[in-house]
Amino acid sequence: MSTVEHQTAKDQMIAILQNQPDDSSYDELLRELAAARSIERGLQDAEAGRVVSNDDALLLSRSGRNRDAAVGLAQRSRADPGRRHDSA
């Protein structure tokens, strides 16, 4: 059984950077850090229940609605999981 240590943000960033090739550009390194942070935020959102279904995400992306609309849609979906929400 492995124990997962809670790393500081700085430690996490250093670990990500150390896994990159030595010839990585500044922009490539920043992209890796940003991607890791986006994944972390997404996982936190999922754990907190801030999610929308694939169908609802498609509807939002096609309609050009923003993140606030997605959050509202997710809250309504949790309140009534059997109902399809076509508008936010």
Protein backbone atom coordinates (compact mmCIF):
# COMPACT_ATOMS: atom_id res chain seq x y z
CA MET A 1 0.00 0.00 0.00
CA SER A 2 1.54 3.30 -1.02
CA THR A 3 1.18 6.52 0.89
CA VAL A 4 0.49 9.64 -1.13
CA GLU A 5 2.23 12.66 0.31
CA HIS A 6 0.60 16.06 0.10
CA GLN A 7 3.03 18.18 -1.86
CA THR A 8 3.15 21.93 -1.91
CA ALA A 9 2.26 23.71 -5.13
CA LYS A 10 5.95 24.47 -5.60
CA ASP A 11 6.88 20.79 -5.18
CA GLN A 12 4.21 19.78 -7.70
CA MET A 13 5.48 22.32 -10.22
CA ILE A 14 9.08 21.19 -9.77
CA ALA A 15 8.08 17.56 -10.32
CA ILE A 16 6.23 18.46 -13.53
CA LEU A 17 9.15 20.52 -14.81
CA GLN A 18 11.69 17.81 -13.97
CA ASN A 19 9.73 15.34 -16.12
CA GLN A 20 10.09 17.55 -19.22
CA PRO A 21 12.89 17.23 -21.77
CA ASP A 22 15.90 19.47 -21.12
CA ASP A 23 15.41 21.25 -24.45
CA SER A 24 11.79 22.25 -23.70
CA SER A 25 10.92 25.83 -24.52
CA TYR A 26 9.55 28.26 -21.98
CA ASP A 27 6.14 28.08 -23.69
CA GLU A 28 6.14 24.27 -23.63
CA LEU A 29 6.91 24.28 -19.91
CA LEU A 30 4.16 26.79 -19.22
CA ARG A 31 1.71 24.67 -21.25
CA GLU A 32 2.58 21.60 -19.19
CA LEU A 33 2.06 23.49 -15.93
CA ALA A 34 -1.24 24.93 -17.19
CA ALA A 35 -2.44 21.51 -18.34
CA ALA A 36 -1.62 19.94 -14.99
CA ARG A 37 -3.47 22.73 -13.17
CA SER A 38 -6.51 22.37 -15.46
CA ILE A 39 -6.63 18.65 -14.76
CA GLU A 40 -6.33 19.28 -11.01
CA ARG A 41 -9.18 21.81 -11.12
CA GLY A 42 -11.33 19.45 -13.16
CA LEU A 43 -10.82 16.67 -10.65
CA GLN A 44 -11.68 19.05 -7.80
CA ASP A 45 -14.84 20.13 -9.66
CA ALA A 46 -15.83 16.49 -10.18
CA GLU A 47 -15.27 15.67 -6.50
CA ALA A 48 -17.42 18.67 -5.52
CA GLY A 49 -20.19 17.64 -7.92
CA ARG A 50 -19.66 20.58 -10.28
CA VAL A 51 -20.22 18.54 -13.44
CA VAL A 52 -22.57 18.43 -16.41
CA SER A 53 -23.53 15.49 -18.58
CA ASN A 54 -21.92 15.03 -21.99
CA ASP A 55 -25.23 15.94 -23.67
CA ASP A 56 -25.52 19.15 -21.66
CA ALA A 57 -21.88 20.05 -22.34
CA LEU A 58 -22.53 19.65 -26.06
CA LEU A 59 -25.58 21.88 -25.83
CA LEU A 60 -23.59 24.53 -23.97
CA SER A 61 -20.67 24.43 -26.39
CA ARG A 62 -22.97 24.71 -29.40
CA SER A 63 -24.87 27.61 -27.89
CA GLY A 64 -21.71 29.48 -26.85
CA ARG A 65 -22.80 29.75 -23.24
CA ASN A 66 -20.23 30.47 -20.57
CA ARG A 67 -19.01 28.60 -17.50
CA ASP A 68 -21.61 30.26 -15.25
CA ALA A 69 -24.35 28.77 -17.41
CA ALA A 70 -22.68 25.36 -17.15
CA VAL A 71 -22.55 25.59 -13.35
CA GLY A 72 -26.25 26.51 -13.23
CA LEU A 73 -27.07 23.62 -15.51
CA ALA A 74 -25.07 21.22 -13.34
CA GLN A 75 -26.90 22.39 -10.22
CA ARG A 76 -30.28 21.87 -11.87
CA SER A 77 -29.20 18.45 -13.19
CA ARG A 78 -28.26 17.33 -9.67
CA ALA A 79 -31.59 18.60 -8.34
CA ASP A 80 -33.53 16.61 -10.97
CA PRO A 81 -31.25 13.98 -12.57
CA GLY A 82 -34.01 12.50 -14.74
CA ARG A 83 -34.82 15.77 -16.47
CA ARG A 84 -33.06 16.94 -19.61
CA HIS A 85 -32.17 20.63 -19.46
CA ASP A 86 -32.14 22.24 -22.90
CA SER A 87 -31.48 25.76 -21.68
CA ALA A 88 -29.51 27.36 -18.92
